[in-house]
Protein backbone atom coordinates (compact mmCIF):
# COMPACT_ATOMS: atom_id res chain seq x y z
CA MET A 1 -56.22 -32.34 11.14
CA ASP A 2 -53.90 -29.69 12.36
CA ASP A 3 -55.03 -26.62 14.19
CA PRO A 4 -53.46 -23.54 12.57
CA SER A 5 -53.69 -21.64 15.85
CA ALA A 6 -51.91 -24.34 17.83
CA PRO A 7 -48.21 -23.90 18.47
CA ASP A 8 -46.08 -26.16 16.29
CA ALA A 9 -42.82 -27.60 17.54
CA GLN A 10 -41.37 -27.61 14.04
CA HIS A 11 -41.88 -23.86 13.38
CA PRO A 12 -40.01 -21.74 15.92
CA THR A 13 -41.51 -18.43 16.81
CA ARG A 14 -39.79 -15.26 15.68
CA SER A 15 -38.90 -12.71 18.25
CA GLY A 16 -38.18 -9.09 17.32
CA HIS A 17 -38.16 -7.48 13.88
CA ARG A 18 -35.88 -8.61 11.10
CA ILE A 19 -34.95 -6.46 8.08
CA PRO A 20 -35.31 -8.43 4.88
CA VAL A 21 -31.99 -9.22 3.22
CA ASP A 22 -32.99 -7.61 -0.07
CA ARG A 23 -33.55 -4.25 1.65
CA ALA A 24 -30.15 -4.46 3.34
CA VAL A 25 -28.43 -5.23 0.04
CA ILE A 26 -30.16 -2.29 -1.64
CA LEU A 27 -29.16 0.08 1.19
CA ILE A 28 -25.55 -1.08 1.09
CA GLY A 29 -25.49 -0.70 -2.68
CA LEU A 30 -26.86 2.84 -2.46
CA PHE A 31 -24.30 3.72 0.21
CA VAL A 32 -21.42 2.40 -1.92
CA LEU A 33 -22.71 4.26 -5.00
CA ALA A 34 -23.07 7.53 -3.06
CA THR A 35 -19.56 7.15 -1.61
CA VAL A 36 -18.01 6.52 -5.03
CA LEU A 37 -19.78 9.52 -6.55
CA LEU A 38 -18.79 11.77 -3.64
CA LEU A 39 -15.15 10.68 -3.75
CA GLY A 40 -15.10 11.22 -7.50
CA GLN A 41 -16.28 14.81 -7.02
CA VAL A 42 -13.80 15.48 -4.21
CA HIS A 43 -10.90 14.00 -6.18
CA ARG A 44 -11.79 15.95 -9.33
CA THR A 45 -12.04 19.21 -7.34
CA SER A 46 -8.73 18.72 -5.53
CA THR A 47 -6.78 17.96 -8.70
CA THR A 48 -8.06 21.00 -10.56
CA ALA A 49 -7.54 23.27 -7.57
CA THR A 50 -3.83 22.52 -7.23
CA GLY A 51 -2.90 24.44 -10.39
CA THR A 52 0.46 22.75 -10.79
CA SER A 53 2.18 22.62 -14.10
CA ALA A 54 2.17 19.19 -15.63
CA THR A 55 2.12 17.60 -19.02
CA THR A 56 1.45 13.89 -18.88
CA ALA A 57 1.62 11.67 -21.91
CA ALA A 58 0.57 8.08 -21.42
CA THR A 59 2.57 5.47 -23.24
CA THR A 60 0.71 3.37 -25.75
CA PRO A 61 -0.05 0.05 -24.09
CA SER A 62 -0.19 -3.01 -26.31
CA THR A 63 -1.60 -6.41 -25.54
CA THR A 64 -1.16 -9.54 -27.56
CA THR A 65 -4.06 -11.92 -27.92
CA PRO A 66 -3.54 -15.67 -28.02
CA ALA A 67 -4.14 -15.62 -31.79
CA GLY A 68 -1.14 -13.28 -32.19
CA ALA A 69 -3.14 -10.12 -32.99
CA THR A 70 -2.04 -6.89 -31.30
CA THR A 71 -4.50 -4.45 -29.79
CA THR A 72 -3.29 -0.88 -29.30
CA THR A 73 -5.04 1.88 -27.41
CA ALA A 74 -4.46 5.53 -28.19
CA PRO A 75 -2.42 7.58 -25.68
CA HIS A 76 -3.93 10.59 -23.97
CA THR A 77 -2.25 13.84 -23.01
CA THR A 78 -3.26 16.12 -20.17
CA THR A 79 -1.87 19.65 -20.05
CA THR A 80 -2.40 22.25 -17.37
CA THR A 81 -1.05 25.77 -17.34
CA ALA A 82 1.48 26.75 -14.70
CA PRO A 83 0.47 29.59 -12.43
CA LYS A 84 2.19 32.90 -13.05
CA VAL A 85 4.95 33.75 -10.61
CA LYS A 86 4.77 37.17 -9.02
CA PRO A 87 8.47 38.23 -9.00
CA SER A 88 8.05 40.66 -6.12
CA ASN A 89 7.07 37.78 -3.80
CA VAL A 90 10.27 35.76 -4.26
CA PRO A 91 13.53 36.90 -2.57
CA VAL A 92 16.49 36.51 -4.95
CA LEU A 93 20.19 36.63 -4.02
CA VAL A 94 22.92 37.10 -6.66
CA ALA A 95 26.46 35.85 -6.00
CA ASN A 96 29.49 36.75 -8.12
CA ALA A 97 31.46 33.62 -9.04
CA SER A 98 32.84 35.03 -12.29
CA GLY A 99 35.99 36.82 -11.15
CA LYS A 100 34.69 39.97 -12.91
CA ALA A 101 34.23 42.93 -10.55
CA GLY A 102 30.66 44.23 -10.38
CA ALA A 103 29.05 41.29 -12.21
CA ALA A 104 26.67 40.39 -9.37
CA ALA A 105 25.65 44.02 -8.86
CA SER A 106 24.88 44.35 -12.57
CA ILE A 107 22.75 41.17 -12.62
CA THR A 108 21.03 42.30 -9.40
CA ASN A 109 20.09 45.58 -11.10
CA GLU A 110 18.81 43.70 -14.17
CA LEU A 111 16.60 41.47 -12.01
CA GLN A 112 15.34 44.43 -9.99
CA VAL A 113 14.30 46.26 -13.18
CA ALA A 114 12.42 43.08 -14.21
CA GLY A 115 10.47 43.27 -10.93
CA TRP A 116 12.24 40.62 -8.87
CA ASN A 117 12.66 41.07 -5.10
CA VAL A 118 16.48 41.18 -5.00
CA GLN A 119 18.78 41.28 -2.00
CA ALA A 120 22.20 42.93 -1.82
CA PRO A 121 24.67 41.06 -4.06
CA ILE A 122 27.44 38.96 -2.52
CA ASN A 123 30.68 37.28 -3.59
CA ALA A 124 30.71 33.51 -4.02
CA THR A 125 33.17 31.37 -2.08
CA ALA A 126 34.66 30.07 -5.34
CA ASN A 127 34.60 30.93 -9.04
CA VAL A 128 32.61 28.67 -11.38
CA SER A 129 32.59 28.30 -15.16
CA THR A 130 28.83 28.13 -15.75
CA SER A 131 26.06 30.28 -14.26
CA SER A 132 23.33 28.54 -12.27
CA VAL A 133 20.01 29.43 -10.67
CA TYR A 134 19.42 27.52 -7.44
CA TYR A 135 16.03 27.26 -5.74
CA VAL A 136 14.73 26.10 -2.37
CA ALA A 137 11.84 23.63 -2.17
CA GLY A 138 8.69 24.92 -3.87
CA GLN A 139 10.40 27.61 -5.95
CA LYS A 140 11.35 25.74 -9.14
CA VAL A 141 8.80 27.65 -11.25
CA ALA A 142 10.13 30.99 -9.98
CA ALA A 143 13.75 29.89 -10.52
CA THR A 144 12.92 28.91 -14.10
CA ALA A 145 11.39 32.36 -14.61
CA VAL A 146 14.56 34.02 -13.20
CA ALA A 147 16.68 31.92 -15.58
CA ALA A 148 14.47 33.00 -18.49
CA THR A 149 14.84 36.65 -17.45
CA LEU A 150 18.62 36.21 -17.62
CA HIS A 151 18.44 34.19 -20.87
CA LEU A 152 19.87 31.10 -19.19
CA PRO A 153 18.79 27.63 -20.36
CA PRO A 154 16.43 25.52 -18.22
CA SER A 155 19.37 23.18 -17.52
CA ALA A 156 20.91 25.99 -15.42
CA VAL A 157 18.05 25.68 -12.87
CA LEU A 158 19.02 23.40 -9.98
CA PRO A 159 17.73 22.58 -6.49
CA TYR A 160 19.72 24.40 -3.80
CA THR A 161 22.23 22.32 -1.85
CA THR A 162 25.15 23.21 0.37
CA ALA A 163 27.37 22.46 -2.65
CA ALA A 164 26.43 25.89 -4.08
CA PRO A 165 29.46 28.21 -3.93
CA VAL A 166 28.13 30.49 -1.17
CA SER A 167 28.41 30.33 2.60
CA THR A 168 24.68 31.01 3.12
CA ILE A 169 21.64 32.23 1.21
CA GLY A 170 19.99 33.70 4.29
CA THR A 171 16.31 34.39 3.63
CA ALA A 172 16.64 34.13 -0.16
CA GLU A 173 14.61 31.47 -1.93
CA ILE A 174 16.49 31.73 -5.22
CA LEU A 175 20.25 32.04 -5.66
CA VAL A 176 21.77 33.22 -8.94
CA VAL A 177 25.45 32.27 -9.25
CA VAL A 178 27.03 34.52 -11.88
CA ALA A 179 29.81 32.86 -13.89
CA PRO A 180 31.78 34.32 -16.82
CA ASP A 181 29.08 33.20 -19.30
CA LEU A 182 26.57 35.56 -17.63
CA ALA A 183 29.11 38.20 -16.56
CA THR A 184 30.21 38.92 -20.15
CA GLY A 185 26.92 40.70 -20.79
CA ALA A 186 26.97 42.45 -17.40
CA GLY A 187 28.40 45.92 -17.24
CA THR A 188 30.81 46.82 -14.49
CA THR A 189 29.73 49.09 -11.70
CA ALA A 190 31.54 50.95 -8.97
CA THR A 191 30.84 48.10 -6.51
CA THR A 192 34.08 46.18 -6.18
CA GLY A 193 33.98 42.39 -6.01
CA ASN A 194 30.25 41.96 -6.45
């Protein structure tokens, strides 16, 4: 008969404490669940806090089953409202590229009455046939609002590049280039060339 108190060569003794595997799995599972929930809250908060204007329409995905049947899921659309632009916070420069004396000064006055932060008008380095509203990075929404103030189409709003017909825009963040299409509605003023 075997003595239960006698040491057995076939059963090694355990040294130290060992956490059962099932407890470790449960703890890891809880950690993963908590992380997923926390990241979901952080992600949801950061996307709603940005306030950018976006309309996203998902295309309708289709999958074909081996039997030839087609399964279609409905698209979803997400729309957020663009933040209002405060005109007095955005410096606007108007350049005359129309060949009509006083056109830039007239458009500058019109924008100033509408509340825009306008700078002294300048002459462009070349005449152009179509008016444009150029914007620096981050000012597309404001440039679109300037174009709307001047009754220009959204296609007239362009990112600013050195190809714009001015030597410099200085501290301006939006540049309005006045062409004959915009100058025809502008009255002449005593300022020559602008």
